[in-house]
Amino acid sequence: MAHGSTQAARDRRRSGRNRVATNVFLIVDGERRLHRASNLSARGVFIEGAGIDLLPGHHIELVFPLPVGGIIKLHRKRGVVAHVSAAGTGLRLEPGANRRRRLHQA
């Protein structure tokens, strides 16, 4: 992709991206898979690496274990596969409130 088109793609985004890396569980057809997530925003996330085997349009559930004040909370979101490349998979997060669940004391 040319630099100009990459810049145009960034300009289309509605939410700023945070260059963070965290683990995320993808729940696909009832199966839980652990992956590495990066480039996170309120409306999307990039799942690093090949081999996720999902096609654009596929709906999934994501579970992010995040520490909050000494407690690990599970943040659940629903998403849809937006694009797939050799580098990984871009997911568009569906709007709606996060569903949180306390896992354990850290």
PDB file of N, CA and C in Angstrom:
ATOM      1  N   MET A   1       0.856  -1.167   0.000  1.00  0.00           N
ATOM      2  CA  MET A   1       0.000   0.000   0.000  1.00  0.00           C
ATOM      3  C   MET A   1       0.899   1.226   0.000  1.00  0.00           C
ATOM      4  N   ALA A   2       0.585   2.197  -0.806  1.00  0.00           N
ATOM      5  CA  ALA A   2       1.375   3.416  -0.896  1.00  0.00           C
ATOM      6  C   ALA A   2       1.169   4.264   0.346  1.00  0.00           C
ATOM      7  N   HIS A   3       2.182   5.117   0.641  1.00  0.00           N
ATOM      8  CA  HIS A   3       2.110   5.945   1.841  1.00  0.00           C
ATOM      9  C   HIS A   3       0.846   6.802   1.852  1.00  0.00           C
ATOM     10  N   GLY A   4       0.477   7.378   0.718  1.00  0.00           N
ATOM     11  CA  GLY A   4      -0.715   8.229   0.649  1.00  0.00           C
ATOM     12  C   GLY A   4      -1.978   7.487   1.028  1.00  0.00           C
ATOM     13  N   SER A   5      -2.113   6.222   0.569  1.00  0.00           N
ATOM     14  CA  SER A   5      -3.309   5.480   0.923  1.00  0.00           C
ATOM     15  C   SER A   5      -3.299   5.058   2.382  1.00  0.00           C
ATOM     16  N   THR A   6      -2.113   4.818   2.959  1.00  0.00           N
ATOM     17  CA  THR A   6      -2.032   4.512   4.381  1.00  0.00           C
ATOM     18  C   THR A   6      -2.482   5.716   5.194  1.00  0.00           C
ATOM     19  N   GLN A   7      -2.025   6.896   4.800  1.00  0.00           N
ATOM     20  CA  GLN A   7      -2.430   8.118   5.492  1.00  0.00           C
ATOM     21  C   GLN A   7      -3.932   8.328   5.363  1.00  0.00           C
ATOM     22  N   ALA A   8      -4.496   8.068   4.186  1.00  0.00           N
ATOM     23  CA  ALA A   8      -5.943   8.225   3.980  1.00  0.00           C
ATOM     24  C   ALA A   8      -6.709   7.265   4.889  1.00  0.00           C
ATOM     25  N   ALA A   9      -6.207   6.038   5.059  1.00  0.00           N
ATOM     26  CA  ALA A   9      -6.873   5.062   5.930  1.00  0.00           C
ATOM     27  C   ALA A   9      -6.865   5.554   7.373  1.00  0.00           C
ATOM     28  N   ARG A  10      -5.746   6.121   7.820  1.00  0.00           N
ATOM     29  CA  ARG A  10      -5.673   6.650   9.183  1.00  0.00           C
ATOM     30  C   ARG A  10      -6.656   7.792   9.371  1.00  0.00           C
ATOM     31  N   ASP A  11      -6.812   8.623   8.358  1.00  0.00           N
ATOM     32  CA  ASP A  11      -7.691   9.783   8.466  1.00  0.00           C
ATOM     33  C   ASP A  11      -9.161   9.386   8.550  1.00  0.00           C
ATOM     34  N   ARG A  12      -9.529   8.199   8.056  1.00  0.00           N
ATOM     35  CA  ARG A  12     -10.913   7.734   8.101  1.00  0.00           C
ATOM     36  C   ARG A  12     -11.323   7.267   9.483  1.00  0.00           C
ATOM     37  N   ARG A  13     -10.370   6.965  10.333  1.00  0.00           N
ATOM     38  CA  ARG A  13     -10.691   6.412  11.647  1.00  0.00           C
ATOM     39  C   ARG A  13     -11.433   7.426  12.496  1.00  0.00           C
ATOM     40  N   ARG A  14     -12.432   6.945  13.194  1.00  0.00           N
ATOM     41  CA  ARG A  14     -13.239   7.808  14.056  1.00  0.00           C
ATOM     42  C   ARG A  14     -12.660   7.925  15.456  1.00  0.00           C
ATOM     43  N   SER A  15     -11.828   6.970  15.848  1.00  0.00           N
ATOM     44  CA  SER A  15     -11.245   6.958  17.190  1.00  0.00           C
ATOM     45  C   SER A  15      -9.732   6.886  17.083  1.00  0.00           C
ATOM     46  N   GLY A  16      -9.049   7.568  17.984  1.00  0.00           N
ATOM     47  CA  GLY A  16      -7.595   7.490  18.031  1.00  0.00           C
ATOM     48  C   GLY A  16      -7.146   6.113  18.458  1.00  0.00           C
ATOM     49  N   ARG A  17      -5.997   5.692  17.946  1.00  0.00           N
ATOM     50  CA  ARG A  17      -5.445   4.382  18.288  1.00  0.00           C
ATOM     51  C   ARG A  17      -4.404   4.520  19.375  1.00  0.00           C
ATOM     52  N   ASN A  18      -4.345   3.530  20.253  1.00  0.00           N
ATOM     53  CA  ASN A  18      -3.325   3.460  21.284  1.00  0.00           C
ATOM     54  C   ASN A  18      -2.388   2.321  20.945  1.00  0.00           C
ATOM     55  N   ARG A  19      -1.120   2.619  20.871  1.00  0.00           N
ATOM     56  CA  ARG A  19      -0.122   1.590  20.578  1.00  0.00           C
ATOM     57  C   ARG A  19       0.160   0.798  21.845  1.00  0.00           C
ATOM     58  N   VAL A  20      -0.705  -0.118  22.159  1.00  0.00           N
ATOM     59  CA  VAL A  20      -0.539  -0.981  23.320  1.00  0.00           C
ATOM     60  C   VAL A  20      -0.505  -2.423  22.842  1.00  0.00           C
ATOM     61  N   ALA A  21       0.048  -3.273  23.649  1.00  0.00           N
ATOM     62  CA  ALA A  21       0.028  -4.699  23.346  1.00  0.00           C
ATOM     63  C   ALA A  21      -0.494  -5.420  24.580  1.00  0.00           C
ATOM     64  N   THR A  22      -1.470  -6.263  24.379  1.00  0.00           N
ATOM     65  CA  THR A  22      -2.065  -7.007  25.484  1.00  0.00           C
ATOM     66  C   THR A  22      -2.580  -8.341  24.957  1.00  0.00           C
ATOM     67  N   ASN A  23      -2.772  -9.266  25.847  1.00  0.00           N
ATOM     68  CA  ASN A  23      -3.380 -10.529  25.460  1.00  0.00           C
ATOM     69  C   ASN A  23      -4.887 -10.342  25.355  1.00  0.00           C
ATOM     70  N   VAL A  24      -5.495 -11.096  24.483  1.00  0.00           N
ATOM     71  CA  VAL A  24      -6.943 -11.069  24.325  1.00  0.00           C
ATOM     72  C   VAL A  24      -7.401 -12.483  23.970  1.00  0.00           C
ATOM     73  N   PHE A  25      -8.530 -12.850  24.535  1.00  0.00           N
ATOM     74  CA  PHE A  25      -9.149 -14.115  24.156  1.00  0.00           C
ATOM     75  C   PHE A  25     -10.194 -13.815  23.090  1.00  0.00           C
ATOM     76  N   LEU A  26     -10.143 -14.546  22.003  1.00  0.00           N
ATOM     77  CA  LEU A  26     -11.183 -14.479  20.981  1.00  0.00           C
ATOM     78  C   LEU A  26     -12.060 -15.703  21.173  1.00  0.00           C
ATOM     79  N   ILE A  27     -13.347 -15.482  21.248  1.00  0.00           N
ATOM     80  CA  ILE A  27     -14.277 -16.607  21.367  1.00  0.00           C
ATOM     81  C   ILE A  27     -14.984 -16.726  20.026  1.00  0.00           C
ATOM     82  N   VAL A  28     -14.644 -17.799  19.331  1.00  0.00           N
ATOM     83  CA  VAL A  28     -15.130 -18.027  17.978  1.00  0.00           C
ATOM     84  C   VAL A  28     -15.873 -19.354  17.956  1.00  0.00           C
ATOM     85  N   ASP A  29     -17.152 -19.292  17.646  1.00  0.00           N
ATOM     86  CA  ASP A  29     -17.971 -20.506  17.582  1.00  0.00           C
ATOM     87  C   ASP A  29     -17.814 -21.349  18.855  1.00  0.00           C
ATOM     88  N   GLY A  30     -17.776 -20.674  20.027  1.00  0.00           N
ATOM     89  CA  GLY A  30     -17.689 -21.357  21.312  1.00  0.00           C
ATOM     90  C   GLY A  30     -16.287 -21.748  21.731  1.00  0.00           C
ATOM     91  N   GLU A  31     -15.303 -21.591  20.861  1.00  0.00           N
ATOM     92  CA  GLU A  31     -13.914 -21.957  21.170  1.00  0.00           C
ATOM     93  C   GLU A  31     -13.137 -20.715  21.599  1.00  0.00           C
ATOM     94  N   ARG A  32     -12.406 -20.805  22.716  1.00  0.00           N
ATOM     95  CA  ARG A  32     -11.621 -19.677  23.221  1.00  0.00           C
ATOM     96  C   ARG A  32     -10.182 -19.812  22.732  1.00  0.00           C
ATOM     97  N   ARG A  33      -9.663 -18.738  22.126  1.00  0.00           N
ATOM     98  CA  ARG A  33      -8.304 -18.725  21.589  1.00  0.00           C
ATOM     99  C   ARG A  33      -7.560 -17.513  22.136  1.00  0.00           C
ATOM    100  N   LEU A  34      -6.321 -17.713  22.595  1.00  0.00           N
ATOM    101  CA  LEU A  34      -5.505 -16.622  23.109  1.00  0.00           C
ATOM    102  C   LEU A  34      -4.666 -16.026  21.991  1.00  0.00           C
ATOM    103  N   HIS A  35      -4.700 -14.690  21.870  1.00  0.00           N
ATOM    104  CA  HIS A  35      -3.934 -13.975  20.853  1.00  0.00           C
ATOM    105  C   HIS A  35      -3.324 -12.725  21.456  1.00  0.00           C
ATOM    106  N   ARG A  36      -2.496 -12.050  20.678  1.00  0.00           N
ATOM    107  CA  ARG A  36      -1.880 -10.790  21.075  1.00  0.00           C
ATOM    108  C   ARG A  36      -2.578  -9.671  20.323  1.00  0.00           C
ATOM    109  N   ALA A  37      -3.051  -8.667  21.055  1.00  0.00           N
ATOM    110  CA  ALA A  37      -3.757  -7.531  20.457  1.00  0.00           C
ATOM    111  C   ALA A  37      -2.877  -6.291  20.540  1.00  0.00           C
ATOM    112  N   SER A  38      -2.990  -5.427  19.538  1.00  0.00           N
ATOM    113  CA  SER A  38      -2.274  -4.153  19.545  1.00  0.00           C
ATOM    114  C   SER A  38      -3.134  -3.129  18.819  1.00  0.00           C
ATOM    115  N   ASN A  39      -2.647  -1.897  18.826  1.00  0.00           N
ATOM    116  CA  ASN A  39      -3.316  -0.839  18.079  1.00  0.00           C
ATOM    117  C   ASN A  39      -4.799  -0.762  18.455  1.00  0.00           C
ATOM    118  N   LEU A  40      -5.052  -0.559  19.727  1.00  0.00           N
ATOM    119  CA  LEU A  40      -6.388  -0.625  20.303  1.00  0.00           C
ATOM    120  C   LEU A  40      -7.056   0.743  20.344  1.00  0.00           C
ATOM    121  N   SER A  41      -8.333   0.787  20.010  1.00  0.00           N
ATOM    122  CA  SER A  41      -9.135   2.008  20.149  1.00  0.00           C
ATOM    123  C   SER A  41     -10.512   1.612  20.658  1.00  0.00           C
ATOM    124  N   ALA A  42     -11.356   2.599  20.876  1.00  0.00           N
ATOM    125  CA  ALA A  42     -12.716   2.323  21.337  1.00  0.00           C
ATOM    126  C   ALA A  42     -13.523   1.594  20.268  1.00  0.00           C
ATOM    127  N   ARG A  43     -13.120   1.700  19.014  1.00  0.00           N
ATOM    128  CA  ARG A  43     -13.908   1.127  17.917  1.00  0.00           C
ATOM    129  C   ARG A  43     -13.241  -0.014  17.182  1.00  0.00           C
ATOM    130  N   GLY A  44     -11.986  -0.345  17.546  1.00  0.00           N
ATOM    131  CA  GLY A  44     -11.316  -1.413  16.829  1.00  0.00           C
ATOM    132  C   GLY A  44     -10.046  -1.876  17.502  1.00  0.00           C
ATOM    133  N   VAL A  45      -9.539  -3.010  17.023  1.00  0.00           N
ATOM    134  CA  VAL A  45      -8.311  -3.595  17.556  1.00  0.00           C
ATOM    135  C   VAL A  45      -7.667  -4.424  16.449  1.00  0.00           C
ATOM    136  N   PHE A  46      -6.336  -4.507  16.503  1.00  0.00           N
ATOM    137  CA  PHE A  46      -5.599  -5.333  15.555  1.00  0.00           C
ATOM    138  C   PHE A  46      -5.085  -6.554  16.296  1.00  0.00           C
ATOM    139  N   ILE A  47      -5.357  -7.746  15.764  1.00  0.00           N
ATOM    140  CA  ILE A  47      -4.886  -9.000  16.337  1.00  0.00           C
ATOM    141  C   ILE A  47      -3.669  -9.425  15.526  1.00  0.00           C
ATOM    142  N   GLU A  48      -2.521  -9.510  16.211  1.00  0.00           N
ATOM    143  CA  GLU A  48      -1.253  -9.786  15.534  1.00  0.00           C
ATOM    144  C   GLU A  48      -1.147 -11.238  15.103  1.00  0.00           C
ATOM    145  N   GLY A  49      -0.468 -11.445  13.970  1.00  0.00           N
ATOM    146  CA  GLY A  49      -0.120 -12.777  13.509  1.00  0.00           C
ATOM    147  C   GLY A  49      -1.124 -13.394  12.558  1.00  0.00           C
ATOM    148  N   ALA A  50      -0.609 -14.331  11.805  1.00  0.00           N
ATOM    149  CA  ALA A  50      -1.439 -15.064  10.850  1.00  0.00           C
ATOM    150  C   ALA A  50      -2.049 -16.273  11.554  1.00  0.00           C
ATOM    151  N   GLY A  51      -2.883 -16.979  10.870  1.00  0.00           N
ATOM    152  CA  GLY A  51      -3.425 -18.222  11.395  1.00  0.00           C
ATOM    153  C   GLY A  51      -4.675 -18.087  12.239  1.00  0.00           C
ATOM    154  N   ILE A  52      -5.322 -16.938  12.194  1.00  0.00           N
ATOM    155  CA  ILE A  52      -6.557 -16.781  12.959  1.00  0.00           C
ATOM    156  C   ILE A  52      -7.715 -17.454  12.228  1.00  0.00           C
ATOM    157  N   ASP A  53      -7.592 -17.579  10.922  1.00  0.00           N
ATOM    158  CA  ASP A  53      -8.566 -18.306  10.105  1.00  0.00           C
ATOM    159  C   ASP A  53      -9.982 -17.753  10.190  1.00  0.00           C
ATOM    160  N   LEU A  54     -10.114 -16.452  10.123  1.00  0.00           N
ATOM    161  CA  LEU A  54     -11.425 -15.811  10.104  1.00  0.00           C
ATOM    162  C   LEU A  54     -11.548 -14.976   8.838  1.00  0.00           C
ATOM    163  N   LEU A  55     -12.729 -14.871   8.312  1.00  0.00           N
ATOM    164  CA  LEU A  55     -12.978 -14.084   7.115  1.00  0.00           C
ATOM    165  C   LEU A  55     -13.674 -12.783   7.474  1.00  0.00           C
ATOM    166  N   PRO A  56     -13.488 -11.750   6.652  1.00  0.00           N
ATOM    167  CA  PRO A  56     -14.206 -10.493   6.900  1.00  0.00           C
ATOM    168  C   PRO A  56     -15.702 -10.745   7.032  1.00  0.00           C
ATOM    169  N   GLY A  57     -16.295 -10.079   8.025  1.00  0.00           N
ATOM    170  CA  GLY A  57     -17.721 -10.232   8.286  1.00  0.00           C
ATOM    171  C   GLY A  57     -18.044 -11.215   9.405  1.00  0.00           C
ATOM    172  N   HIS A  58     -17.070 -12.028   9.822  1.00  0.00           N
ATOM    173  CA  HIS A  58     -17.297 -13.016  10.879  1.00  0.00           C
ATOM    174  C   HIS A  58     -17.443 -12.300  12.217  1.00  0.00           C
ATOM    175  N   HIS A  59     -18.479 -12.640  12.989  1.00  0.00           N
ATOM    176  CA  HIS A  59     -18.728 -12.039  14.310  1.00  0.00           C
ATOM    177  C   HIS A  59     -18.064 -12.879  15.391  1.00  0.00           C
ATOM    178  N   ILE A  60     -17.415 -12.199  16.344  1.00  0.00           N
ATOM    179  CA  ILE A  60     -16.721 -12.877  17.426  1.00  0.00           C
ATOM    180  C   ILE A  60     -16.921 -12.115  18.733  1.00  0.00           C
ATOM    181  N   GLU A  61     -16.557 -12.739  19.836  1.00  0.00           N
ATOM    182  CA  GLU A  61     -16.524 -12.081  21.134  1.00  0.00           C
ATOM    183  C   GLU A  61     -15.065 -11.980  21.556  1.00  0.00           C
ATOM    184  N   LEU A  62     -14.687 -10.844  22.153  1.00  0.00           N
ATOM    185  CA  LEU A  62     -13.335 -10.618  22.639  1.00  0.00           C
ATOM    186  C   LEU A  62     -13.384 -10.454  24.145  1.00  0.00           C
ATOM    187  N   VAL A  63     -12.386 -10.995  24.839  1.00  0.00           N
ATOM    188  CA  VAL A  63     -12.284 -10.854  26.277  1.00  0.00           C
ATOM    189  C   VAL A  63     -10.871 -10.359  26.585  1.00  0.00           C
ATOM    190  N   PHE A  64     -10.796  -9.140  27.141  1.00  0.00           N
ATOM    191  CA  PHE A  64      -9.531  -8.529  27.507  1.00  0.00           C
ATOM    192  C   PHE A  64      -9.355  -8.621  29.020  1.00  0.00           C
ATOM    193  N   PRO A  65      -8.348  -9.348  29.538  1.00  0.00           N
ATOM    194  CA  PRO A  65      -8.072  -9.316  30.976  1.00  0.00           C
ATOM    195  C   PRO A  65      -7.203  -8.093  31.275  1.00  0.00           C
ATOM    196  N   LEU A  66      -7.739  -7.115  32.010  1.00  0.00           N
ATOM    197  CA  LEU A  66      -7.023  -5.874  32.292  1.00  0.00           C
ATOM    198  C   LEU A  66      -6.970  -5.607  33.789  1.00  0.00           C
ATOM    199  N   PRO A  67      -5.762  -5.262  34.308  1.00  0.00           N
ATOM    200  CA  PRO A  67      -5.673  -4.922  35.729  1.00  0.00           C
ATOM    201  C   PRO A  67      -6.240  -3.538  35.988  1.00  0.00           C
ATOM    202  N   VAL A  68      -7.087  -3.430  36.985  1.00  0.00           N
ATOM    203  CA  VAL A  68      -7.684  -2.153  37.383  1.00  0.00           C
ATOM    204  C   VAL A  68      -7.635  -2.079  38.905  1.00  0.00           C
ATOM    205  N   GLY A  69      -6.771  -1.216  39.425  1.00  0.00           N
ATOM    206  CA  GLY A  69      -6.687  -1.037  40.873  1.00  0.00           C
ATOM    207  C   GLY A  69      -6.377  -2.307  41.640  1.00  0.00           C
ATOM    208  N   GLY A  70      -5.455  -3.123  41.168  1.00  0.00           N
ATOM    209  CA  GLY A  70      -5.078  -4.340  41.872  1.00  0.00           C
ATOM    210  C   GLY A  70      -5.991  -5.525  41.618  1.00  0.00           C
ATOM    211  N   ILE A  71      -6.994  -5.355  40.788  1.00  0.00           N
ATOM    212  CA  ILE A  71      -7.937  -6.426  40.459  1.00  0.00           C
ATOM    213  C   ILE A  71      -7.899  -6.633  38.950  1.00  0.00           C
ATOM    214  N   ILE A  72      -7.898  -7.873  38.518  1.00  0.00           N
ATOM    215  CA  ILE A  72      -7.967  -8.145  37.083  1.00  0.00           C
ATOM    216  C   ILE A  72      -9.431  -8.242  36.694  1.00  0.00           C
ATOM    217  N   LYS A  73      -9.837  -7.376  35.776  1.00  0.00           N
ATOM    218  CA  LYS A  73     -11.221  -7.380  35.294  1.00  0.00           C
ATOM    219  C   LYS A  73     -11.243  -7.869  33.854  1.00  0.00           C
ATOM    220  N   LEU A  74     -12.276  -8.597  33.530  1.00  0.00           N
ATOM    221  CA  LEU A  74     -12.470  -9.081  32.168  1.00  0.00           C
ATOM    222  C   LEU A  74     -13.401  -8.123  31.445  1.00  0.00           C
ATOM    223  N   HIS A  75     -12.903  -7.517  30.390  1.00  0.00           N
ATOM    224  CA  HIS A  75     -13.696  -6.607  29.569  1.00  0.00           C
ATOM    225  C   HIS A  75     -14.132  -7.381  28.328  1.00  0.00           C
ATOM    226  N   ARG A  76     -15.420  -7.527  28.156  1.00  0.00           N
ATOM    227  CA  ARG A  76     -15.966  -8.292  27.025  1.00  0.00           C
ATOM    228  C   ARG A  76     -16.543  -7.347  25.988  1.00  0.00           C
ATOM    229  N   LYS A  77     -16.194  -7.607  24.742  1.00  0.00           N
ATOM    230  CA  LYS A  77     -16.717  -6.820  23.626  1.00  0.00           C
ATOM    231  C   LYS A  77     -17.082  -7.779  22.505  1.00  0.00           C
ATOM    232  N   ARG A  78     -18.002  -7.351  21.681  1.00  0.00           N
ATOM    233  CA  ARG A  78     -18.331  -8.089  20.459  1.00  0.00           C
ATOM    234  C   ARG A  78     -17.697  -7.335  19.299  1.00  0.00           C
ATOM    235  N   GLY A  79     -17.277  -8.091  18.308  1.00  0.00           N
ATOM    236  CA  GLY A  79     -16.636  -7.464  17.161  1.00  0.00           C
ATOM    237  C   GLY A  79     -16.912  -8.230  15.889  1.00  0.00           C
ATOM    238  N   VAL A  80     -16.480  -7.619  14.796  1.00  0.00           N
ATOM    239  CA  VAL A  80     -16.616  -8.233  13.480  1.00  0.00           C
ATOM    240  C   VAL A  80     -15.281  -8.066  12.756  1.00  0.00           C
ATOM    241  N   VAL A  81     -14.881  -9.090  12.028  1.00  0.00           N
ATOM    242  CA  VAL A  81     -13.633  -9.036  11.279  1.00  0.00           C
ATOM    243  C   VAL A  81     -13.785  -8.017  10.157  1.00  0.00           C
ATOM    244  N   ALA A  82     -12.891  -7.011  10.166  1.00  0.00           N
ATOM    245  CA  ALA A  82     -12.928  -5.960   9.146  1.00  0.00           C
ATOM    246  C   ALA A  82     -11.979  -6.267   7.993  1.00  0.00           C
ATOM    247  N   HIS A  83     -10.772  -6.757   8.307  1.00  0.00           N
ATOM    248  CA  HIS A  83      -9.808  -7.103   7.260  1.00  0.00           C
ATOM    249  C   HIS A  83      -8.820  -8.131   7.777  1.00  0.00           C
ATOM    250  N   VAL A  84      -8.227  -8.877   6.851  1.00  0.00           N
ATOM    251  CA  VAL A  84      -7.255  -9.914   7.177  1.00  0.00           C
ATOM    252  C   VAL A  84      -6.041  -9.714   6.284  1.00  0.00           C
ATOM    253  N   SER A  85      -4.841  -9.807   6.861  1.00  0.00           N
ATOM    254  CA  SER A  85      -3.606  -9.715   6.095  1.00  0.00           C
ATOM    255  C   SER A  85      -2.604 -10.711   6.659  1.00  0.00           C
ATOM    256  N   ALA A  86      -1.437 -10.792   6.049  1.00  0.00           N
ATOM    257  CA  ALA A  86      -0.391 -11.683   6.553  1.00  0.00           C
ATOM    258  C   ALA A  86       0.088 -11.229   7.925  1.00  0.00           C
ATOM    259  N   ALA A  87      -0.029  -9.943   8.240  1.00  0.00           N
ATOM    260  CA  ALA A  87       0.421  -9.407   9.529  1.00  0.00           C
ATOM    261  C   ALA A  87      -0.575  -9.662  10.653  1.00  0.00           C
ATOM    262  N   GLY A  88      -1.843  -9.848  10.318  1.00  0.00           N
ATOM    263  CA  GLY A  88      -2.846 -10.067  11.347  1.00  0.00           C
ATOM    264  C   GLY A  88      -4.248  -9.745  10.876  1.00  0.00           C
ATOM    265  N   THR A  89      -5.133  -9.509  11.835  1.00  0.00           N
ATOM    266  CA  THR A  89      -6.551  -9.316  11.552  1.00  0.00           C
ATOM    267  C   THR A  89      -7.061  -8.059  12.248  1.00  0.00           C
ATOM    268  N   GLY A  90      -7.737  -7.207  11.504  1.00  0.00           N
ATOM    269  CA  GLY A  90      -8.348  -6.011  12.063  1.00  0.00           C
ATOM    270  C   GLY A  90      -9.793  -6.284  12.423  1.00  0.00           C
ATOM    271  N   LEU A  91     -10.164  -5.936  13.640  1.00  0.00           N
ATOM    272  CA  LEU A  91     -11.535  -6.154  14.117  1.00  0.00           C
ATOM    273  C   LEU A  91     -12.200  -4.817  14.407  1.00  0.00           C
ATOM    274  N   ARG A  92     -13.422  -4.674  13.980  1.00  0.00           N
ATOM    275  CA  ARG A  92     -14.241  -3.501  14.302  1.00  0.00           C
ATOM    276  C   ARG A  92     -15.100  -3.884  15.502  1.00  0.00           C
ATOM    277  N   LEU A  93     -14.955  -3.140  16.592  1.00  0.00           N
ATOM    278  CA  LEU A  93     -15.722  -3.428  17.801  1.00  0.00           C
ATOM    279  C   LEU A  93     -17.115  -2.850  17.680  1.00  0.00           C
ATOM    280  N   GLU A  94     -18.094  -3.628  18.104  1.00  0.00           N
ATOM    281  CA  GLU A  94     -19.472  -3.169  18.055  1.00  0.00           C
ATOM    282  C   GLU A  94     -19.740  -2.219  19.209  1.00  0.00           C
ATOM    283  N   PRO A  95     -20.534  -1.181  18.973  1.00  0.00           N
ATOM    284  CA  PRO A  95     -20.823  -0.241  20.062  1.00  0.00           C
ATOM    285  C   PRO A  95     -21.638  -0.916  21.152  1.00  0.00           C
ATOM    286  N   GLY A  96     -21.532  -0.374  22.328  1.00  0.00           N
ATOM    287  CA  GLY A  96     -22.270  -0.923  23.460  1.00  0.00           C
ATOM    288  C   GLY A  96     -21.409  -0.897  24.691  1.00  0.00           C
ATOM    289  N   ALA A  97     -22.043  -1.038  25.818  1.00  0.00           N
ATOM    290  CA  ALA A  97     -21.325  -0.998  27.093  1.00  0.00           C
ATOM    291  C   ALA A  97     -20.446  -2.229  27.229  1.00  0.00           C
ATOM    292  N   ASN A  98     -19.288  -2.037  27.850  1.00  0.00           N
ATOM    293  CA  ASN A  98     -18.432  -3.168  28.184  1.00  0.00           C
ATOM    294  C   ASN A  98     -19.117  -3.985  29.258  1.00  0.00           C
ATOM    295  N   ARG A  99     -19.013  -5.280  29.152  1.00  0.00           N
ATOM    296  CA  ARG A  99     -19.484  -6.153  30.213  1.00  0.00           C
ATOM    297  C   ARG A  99     -18.246  -6.572  30.989  1.00  0.00           C
ATOM    298  N   ARG A 100     -18.196  -6.253  32.260  1.00  0.00           N
ATOM    299  CA  ARG A 100     -17.004  -6.527  33.065  1.00  0.00           C
ATOM    300  C   ARG A 100     -17.297  -7.583  34.109  1.00  0.00           C
ATOM    301  N   ARG A 101     -16.258  -8.329  34.410  1.00  0.00           N
ATOM    302  CA  ARG A 101     -16.371  -9.334  35.454  1.00  0.00           C
ATOM    303  C   ARG A 101     -15.038  -9.387  36.194  1.00  0.00           C
ATOM    304  N   ARG A 102     -15.080  -9.391  37.513  1.00  0.00           N
ATOM    305  CA  ARG A 102     -13.868  -9.439  38.322  1.00  0.00           C
ATOM    306  C   ARG A 102     -13.338 -10.869  38.296  1.00  0.00           C
ATOM    307  N   LEU A 103     -12.042 -11.011  38.017  1.00  0.00           N
ATOM    308  CA  LEU A 103     -11.438 -12.342  37.948  1.00  0.00           C
ATOM    309  C   LEU A 103     -10.825 -12.715  39.288  1.00  0.00           C
ATOM    310  N   HIS A 104      -9.882 -11.904  39.769  1.00  0.00           N
ATOM    311  CA  HIS A 104      -9.270 -12.184  41.055  1.00  0.00           C
ATOM    312  C   HIS A 104      -8.462 -10.980  41.516  1.00  0.00           C
ATOM    313  N   GLN A 105      -8.085 -10.998  42.769  1.00  0.00           N
ATOM    314  CA  GLN A 105      -7.237  -9.941  43.303  1.00  0.00           C
ATOM    315  C   GLN A 105      -5.835 -10.134  42.769  1.00  0.00           C
ATOM    316  N   ALA A 106      -5.172  -9.039  42.345  1.00  0.00           N
ATOM    317  CA  ALA A 106      -3.802  -9.136  41.850  1.00  0.00           C
ATOM    318  C   ALA A 106      -2.829  -9.029  43.002  1.00  0.00           C
TER     319      ALA A 106
END
